[in-house]
Amino acid sequence: MDGRAVAGGIAFGFMWASAFASARVIVAHAPPLTALALRFLISGLVAVFLARLLGQSWALTGRQWRAVVVFGLCQNAAYLGLNFVAMQSVEASLAAIIASAMPLLVALVGWLALGQRLPLQGVLGLFAGVAGVALIMGSRVSGGADPFGVVLCVIGVVSLTVATLAVRGASSGGNFLMVVGLQMLVGSTALAIPALAFETWSVTWSWQLGVAFVYTTLVPGVLATLVWFWLVNRIGAVRAAVFHFLTPFFGVSTAAVLLGERIGVLDVVGVAVIAGGILAVQLSKQKPTAS
């Protein structure tokens, strides 16, 4: 893995994890589902426009159309929608930590339910990572974190896990950016329904809201996607997935620096354990398993 790939992986990890801090700012000033639907509408249109500039086609394969619908509903609408609602009462750092369990849950379901082999290193990393998430969740809830918001975050990451397992291999066939853009538009449409039904347009306008919305829309929404696909094309999806171990660290640190969220000793220990567990699981996938 060359230096440019490492730099790209670190940049992707930061952009992906920093979205929780900017989302926390957004939901403090605007209705969450309405803001997220608008964000996906803009991000989706930008992504589709860029895809067309790159010569990508609307003619997707059947598997890619399934990915558009499943990811649009399960990731963009359910996972992020539930997280936006939850972050009205749950700190961004806790939401980021729960979300970082996704690669662990994918490995767990694949190992227990789908018969996928996992080396000892991966098994140990899996249990360590899950224990780290449980440690921080227990500490935060006992310290006053909103249990309902935590449950929404957990349901969200389970939804993302299901979507990830359901559409594995859907990146084949090209048109990657077009697929992502259409996923965003599906998510925007799905989110607009409950937003119109249950939310009122009540916005506290401020420069913080403007910066957070523009950043969330263009950086995690579009730029991080472009960096991810560049990284996958350069080093492959399995190696690129290793950089998910940075999510808990960057998620907690950006929330602390930008939002002033407090980091306790158990948070530091838990983040280190989670990051180590994710890294162990992802690295184990690069090693051949004994038959």
Protein backbone atom coordinates (compact mmCIF):
# COMPACT_ATOMS: atom_id res chain seq x y z
CA MET A 1 0.00 0.00 0.00
CA ASP A 2 1.67 3.24 -1.17
CA GLY A 3 1.76 6.60 0.55
CA ARG A 4 -0.95 8.17 -1.59
CA ALA A 5 -3.33 5.33 -0.77
CA VAL A 6 -2.63 5.71 2.95
CA ALA A 7 -3.23 9.46 2.75
CA GLY A 8 -6.45 8.87 0.82
CA GLY A 9 -7.62 6.30 3.35
CA ILE A 10 -6.95 8.63 6.27
CA ALA A 11 -8.74 11.48 4.47
CA PHE A 12 -11.74 9.24 3.79
CA GLY A 13 -11.86 8.11 7.42
CA PHE A 14 -11.82 11.70 8.63
CA MET A 15 -14.47 12.94 6.20
CA TRP A 16 -16.77 10.00 6.93
CA ALA A 17 -16.48 10.29 10.72
CA SER A 18 -16.67 14.10 10.84
CA ALA A 19 -20.19 13.96 9.38
CA PHE A 20 -21.54 13.12 12.84
CA ALA A 21 -20.32 16.41 14.32
CA SER A 22 -21.75 18.47 11.44
CA ALA A 23 -25.03 16.53 11.64
CA ARG A 24 -25.30 17.35 15.34
CA VAL A 25 -25.06 21.06 14.48
CA ILE A 26 -27.70 20.73 11.76
CA VAL A 27 -30.31 19.00 13.94
CA ALA A 28 -29.83 21.65 16.63
CA HIS A 29 -31.03 24.29 14.15
CA ALA A 30 -33.39 22.52 11.73
CA PRO A 31 -35.86 19.61 11.57
CA PRO A 32 -33.69 16.50 11.07
CA LEU A 33 -35.57 14.57 8.38
CA THR A 34 -36.27 17.68 6.30
CA ALA A 35 -32.63 18.73 6.47
CA LEU A 36 -31.40 15.26 5.55
CA ALA A 37 -33.85 14.94 2.65
CA LEU A 38 -32.63 18.28 1.29
CA ARG A 39 -29.01 17.25 1.78
CA PHE A 40 -29.51 14.04 -0.20
CA LEU A 41 -31.40 15.87 -2.93
CA ILE A 42 -28.48 18.25 -3.46
CA SER A 43 -25.76 15.59 -3.03
CA GLY A 44 -27.62 13.21 -5.34
CA LEU A 45 -28.03 15.77 -8.09
CA VAL A 46 -24.35 16.75 -7.84
CA ALA A 47 -23.25 13.10 -7.95
CA VAL A 48 -25.46 12.30 -10.96
CA PHE A 49 -24.19 15.43 -12.75
CA LEU A 50 -20.56 14.44 -12.12
CA ALA A 51 -21.31 10.87 -13.21
CA ARG A 52 -22.69 12.11 -16.52
CA LEU A 53 -19.64 14.35 -17.00
CA LEU A 54 -17.48 11.25 -16.51
CA GLY A 55 -19.48 9.42 -19.17
CA GLN A 56 -21.32 7.11 -16.80
CA SER A 57 -24.65 5.70 -17.94
CA TRP A 58 -28.16 5.44 -16.55
CA ALA A 59 -28.25 1.87 -17.88
CA LEU A 60 -27.49 -0.05 -14.69
CA THR A 61 -27.44 -3.80 -14.17
CA GLY A 62 -30.20 -5.51 -12.23
CA ARG A 63 -27.91 -5.91 -9.24
CA GLN A 64 -26.99 -2.23 -9.36
CA TRP A 65 -30.65 -1.18 -9.41
CA ARG A 66 -31.21 -3.38 -6.38
CA ALA A 67 -28.30 -1.62 -4.68
CA VAL A 68 -29.82 1.76 -5.55
CA VAL A 69 -33.12 0.85 -3.88
CA VAL A 70 -31.77 -1.14 -0.90
CA PHE A 71 -29.01 1.30 0.00
CA GLY A 72 -31.19 4.31 -0.70
CA LEU A 73 -33.80 3.02 1.76
CA CYS A 74 -31.67 1.19 4.35
CA GLN A 75 -28.56 3.39 4.45
CA ASN A 76 -29.62 6.88 3.42
CA ALA A 77 -33.20 6.87 4.72
CA ALA A 78 -33.22 4.43 7.67
CA TYR A 79 -29.64 4.49 8.99
CA LEU A 80 -28.92 8.19 8.54
CA GLY A 81 -32.52 9.25 9.15
CA LEU A 82 -32.58 7.47 12.51
CA ASN A 83 -29.17 8.91 13.39
CA PHE A 84 -30.25 12.46 12.56
CA VAL A 85 -33.36 12.07 14.74
CA ALA A 86 -31.29 10.46 17.53
CA MET A 87 -28.68 13.22 17.53
CA GLN A 88 -31.27 15.67 18.76
CA SER A 89 -30.64 14.04 22.16
CA VAL A 90 -27.53 11.86 21.66
CA GLU A 91 -24.02 13.25 21.38
CA ALA A 92 -22.26 12.99 18.03
CA SER A 93 -19.38 11.01 19.53
CA LEU A 94 -21.71 8.28 20.83
CA ALA A 95 -23.55 8.09 17.50
CA ALA A 96 -20.21 7.75 15.68
CA ILE A 97 -19.06 4.98 18.02
CA ILE A 98 -22.26 2.97 17.52
CA ALA A 99 -22.06 3.46 13.74
CA SER A 100 -18.45 2.28 13.74
CA ALA A 101 -19.70 -1.17 14.76
CA MET A 102 -21.01 -1.77 11.21
CA PRO A 103 -17.95 -3.68 9.89
CA LEU A 104 -17.97 -5.74 13.09
CA LEU A 105 -21.65 -6.62 12.66
CA VAL A 106 -21.11 -7.50 8.99
CA ALA A 107 -18.31 -9.86 10.01
CA LEU A 108 -20.41 -11.31 12.87
CA VAL A 109 -23.44 -12.07 10.68
CA GLY A 110 -21.23 -13.44 7.92
CA TRP A 111 -19.47 -15.74 10.39
CA LEU A 112 -22.49 -16.95 12.38
CA ALA A 113 -25.29 -16.94 9.79
CA LEU A 114 -23.70 -17.10 6.35
CA GLY A 115 -20.96 -19.64 6.98
CA GLN A 116 -18.11 -17.29 6.14
CA ARG A 117 -14.80 -18.40 7.62
CA LEU A 118 -13.09 -15.99 10.00
CA PRO A 119 -9.51 -16.58 11.24
CA LEU A 120 -8.75 -16.53 14.96
CA GLN A 121 -7.36 -13.00 14.66
CA GLY A 122 -10.68 -11.87 13.19
CA VAL A 123 -12.72 -13.65 15.87
CA LEU A 124 -10.70 -12.04 18.66
CA GLY A 125 -10.96 -8.65 16.99
CA LEU A 126 -14.69 -9.11 16.55
CA PHE A 127 -15.34 -9.81 20.23
CA ALA A 128 -12.96 -7.04 21.31
CA GLY A 129 -14.65 -4.48 19.07
CA VAL A 130 -18.17 -5.42 20.20
CA ALA A 131 -17.01 -5.29 23.84
CA GLY A 132 -15.59 -1.82 23.26
CA VAL A 133 -18.88 -0.55 21.81
CA ALA A 134 -20.82 -2.11 24.71
CA LEU A 135 -18.41 -0.53 27.22
CA ILE A 136 -18.94 2.97 25.88
CA MET A 137 -22.69 2.56 25.40
CA GLY A 138 -23.10 1.31 28.96
CA SER A 139 -20.98 4.12 30.35
CA ARG A 140 -22.84 6.81 28.39
CA VAL A 141 -26.34 5.51 29.21
CA SER A 142 -25.51 5.24 32.91
CA GLY A 143 -24.12 8.77 32.65
CA GLY A 144 -27.41 10.15 31.37
CA ALA A 145 -27.45 9.52 27.60
CA ASP A 146 -30.96 9.27 26.17
CA PRO A 147 -31.80 5.53 25.93
CA PHE A 148 -34.35 6.09 23.15
CA GLY A 149 -31.79 7.94 21.05
CA VAL A 150 -29.27 5.15 21.63
CA VAL A 151 -31.86 2.58 20.49
CA LEU A 152 -32.44 4.59 17.29
CA CYS A 153 -28.68 4.58 16.61
CA VAL A 154 -28.53 0.81 17.16
CA ILE A 155 -31.49 0.16 14.83
CA GLY A 156 -29.79 2.41 12.29
CA VAL A 157 -26.50 0.51 12.29
CA VAL A 158 -28.38 -2.80 12.05
CA SER A 159 -30.20 -1.43 9.00
CA LEU A 160 -26.89 -0.43 7.43
CA THR A 161 -25.48 -3.89 8.16
CA VAL A 162 -28.44 -5.58 6.44
CA ALA A 163 -28.04 -3.33 3.40
CA THR A 164 -24.31 -4.00 3.20
CA LEU A 165 -24.83 -7.76 3.26
CA ALA A 166 -27.75 -7.61 0.81
CA VAL A 167 -25.93 -5.79 -1.96
CA ARG A 168 -22.42 -7.21 -1.79
CA GLY A 169 -20.85 -7.23 -5.22
CA ALA A 170 -23.18 -4.57 -6.58
CA SER A 171 -20.22 -2.31 -7.38
CA SER A 172 -19.37 -4.50 -10.37
CA GLY A 173 -20.56 -3.25 -13.73
CA GLY A 174 -19.17 0.28 -13.53
CA ASN A 175 -21.20 3.51 -13.16
CA PHE A 176 -20.19 3.71 -9.47
CA LEU A 177 -20.87 7.40 -9.02
CA MET A 178 -24.18 7.17 -10.86
CA VAL A 179 -25.26 4.35 -8.52
CA VAL A 180 -24.35 6.44 -5.46
CA GLY A 181 -26.13 9.53 -6.80
CA LEU A 182 -29.32 7.60 -7.50
CA GLN A 183 -29.12 6.04 -4.02
CA MET A 184 -29.07 9.54 -2.56
CA LEU A 185 -32.12 10.57 -4.59
CA VAL A 186 -34.00 7.45 -3.43
CA GLY A 187 -33.08 8.32 0.17
CA SER A 188 -34.21 11.92 -0.31
CA THR A 189 -37.58 10.80 -1.65
CA ALA A 190 -38.10 8.29 1.16
CA LEU A 191 -37.17 10.85 3.83
CA ALA A 192 -39.41 13.54 2.37
CA ILE A 193 -42.53 11.48 3.18
CA PRO A 194 -42.15 11.38 7.01
CA ALA A 195 -40.61 14.86 6.95
CA LEU A 196 -43.73 16.34 5.34
CA ALA A 197 -46.02 14.25 7.54
CA PHE A 198 -44.46 14.83 10.95
CA GLU A 199 -42.15 17.86 10.87
CA THR A 200 -42.80 21.57 10.71
CA TRP A 201 -40.52 23.99 8.91
CA SER A 202 -38.86 25.64 11.90
CA VAL A 203 -35.26 26.72 11.27
CA THR A 204 -32.95 28.78 13.44
CA TRP A 205 -30.78 30.41 10.79
CA SER A 206 -27.12 30.89 11.68
CA TRP A 207 -23.70 30.72 10.06
CA GLN A 208 -23.05 27.49 11.99
CA LEU A 209 -26.04 25.86 10.30
CA GLY A 210 -24.93 27.10 6.88
CA VAL A 211 -21.37 25.84 7.26
CA ALA A 212 -22.48 22.50 8.70
CA PHE A 213 -25.05 21.91 5.95
CA VAL A 214 -22.71 22.82 3.09
CA TYR A 215 -19.92 20.73 4.62
CA THR A 216 -22.16 17.69 5.19
CA THR A 217 -23.64 17.90 1.71
CA LEU A 218 -20.40 18.30 -0.25
CA VAL A 219 -17.63 16.72 1.83
CA PRO A 220 -19.02 13.49 3.40
CA GLY A 221 -21.81 13.45 0.82
CA VAL A 222 -19.80 13.80 -2.42
CA LEU A 223 -16.06 14.19 -1.86
CA ALA A 224 -15.73 11.23 0.52
CA THR A 225 -17.55 9.07 -2.04
CA LEU A 226 -15.11 10.10 -4.78
CA VAL A 227 -12.12 9.40 -2.51
CA TRP A 228 -13.57 6.00 -1.57
CA PHE A 229 -13.95 4.89 -5.19
CA TRP A 230 -10.48 6.18 -6.01
CA LEU A 231 -9.14 4.19 -3.07
CA VAL A 232 -11.00 1.01 -4.09
CA ASN A 233 -9.69 1.30 -7.64
CA ARG A 234 -6.15 1.83 -6.37
CA ILE A 235 -5.83 -0.86 -3.68
CA GLY A 236 -9.04 -2.92 -3.81
CA ALA A 237 -12.16 -2.98 -1.64
CA VAL A 238 -10.78 -5.34 1.03
CA ARG A 239 -7.68 -3.26 1.71
CA ALA A 240 -9.64 -0.01 1.53
CA ALA A 241 -12.06 -1.31 4.19
CA VAL A 242 -9.16 -1.42 6.67
CA PHE A 243 -9.48 2.36 7.07
CA HIS A 244 -12.85 1.91 8.80
CA PHE A 245 -10.83 1.44 12.00
CA LEU A 246 -10.27 5.22 12.02
CA THR A 247 -14.00 6.00 12.35
CA PRO A 248 -14.31 5.81 16.17
CA PHE A 249 -11.14 7.87 16.71
CA PHE A 250 -12.05 10.63 14.24
CA GLY A 251 -15.71 10.58 15.26
CA VAL A 252 -14.91 11.16 18.94
CA SER A 253 -12.07 13.62 18.35
CA THR A 254 -14.00 15.88 15.93
CA ALA A 255 -16.98 15.96 18.30
CA ALA A 256 -14.67 16.94 21.15
CA VAL A 257 -12.84 19.65 19.21
CA LEU A 258 -15.77 21.16 17.30
CA LEU A 259 -18.65 20.63 19.74
CA GLY A 260 -16.84 20.53 23.07
CA GLU A 261 -18.15 17.06 23.92
CA ARG A 262 -16.45 15.55 26.94
CA ILE A 263 -14.25 12.50 26.52
CA GLY A 264 -13.86 10.24 29.56
CA VAL A 265 -11.30 7.57 30.36
CA LEU A 266 -13.71 4.79 29.39
CA ASP A 267 -14.28 6.53 26.06
CA VAL A 268 -10.54 6.52 25.33
CA VAL A 269 -10.20 2.87 26.31
CA GLY A 270 -13.32 1.89 24.38
CA VAL A 271 -12.27 3.73 21.22
CA ALA A 272 -8.84 2.07 21.31
CA VAL A 273 -10.44 -1.37 21.74
CA ILE A 274 -12.98 -0.76 18.96
CA ALA A 275 -10.36 0.55 16.55
CA GLY A 276 -8.10 -2.41 17.31
CA GLY A 277 -10.98 -4.84 16.86
CA ILE A 278 -12.03 -3.37 13.51
CA LEU A 279 -8.43 -3.37 12.31
CA ALA A 280 -7.95 -7.01 13.34
CA VAL A 281 -11.15 -8.08 11.58
CA GLN A 282 -10.35 -6.23 8.37
CA LEU A 283 -6.72 -7.42 8.27
CA SER A 284 -7.83 -11.02 8.86
CA LYS A 285 -9.91 -10.83 5.67
CA GLN A 286 -6.71 -10.25 3.70
CA LYS A 287 -5.25 -13.54 4.86
CA PRO A 288 -6.16 -16.88 3.29
CA THR A 289 -8.11 -19.11 5.67
CA ALA A 290 -7.33 -22.75 6.12
CA SER A 291 -9.71 -25.09 4.33
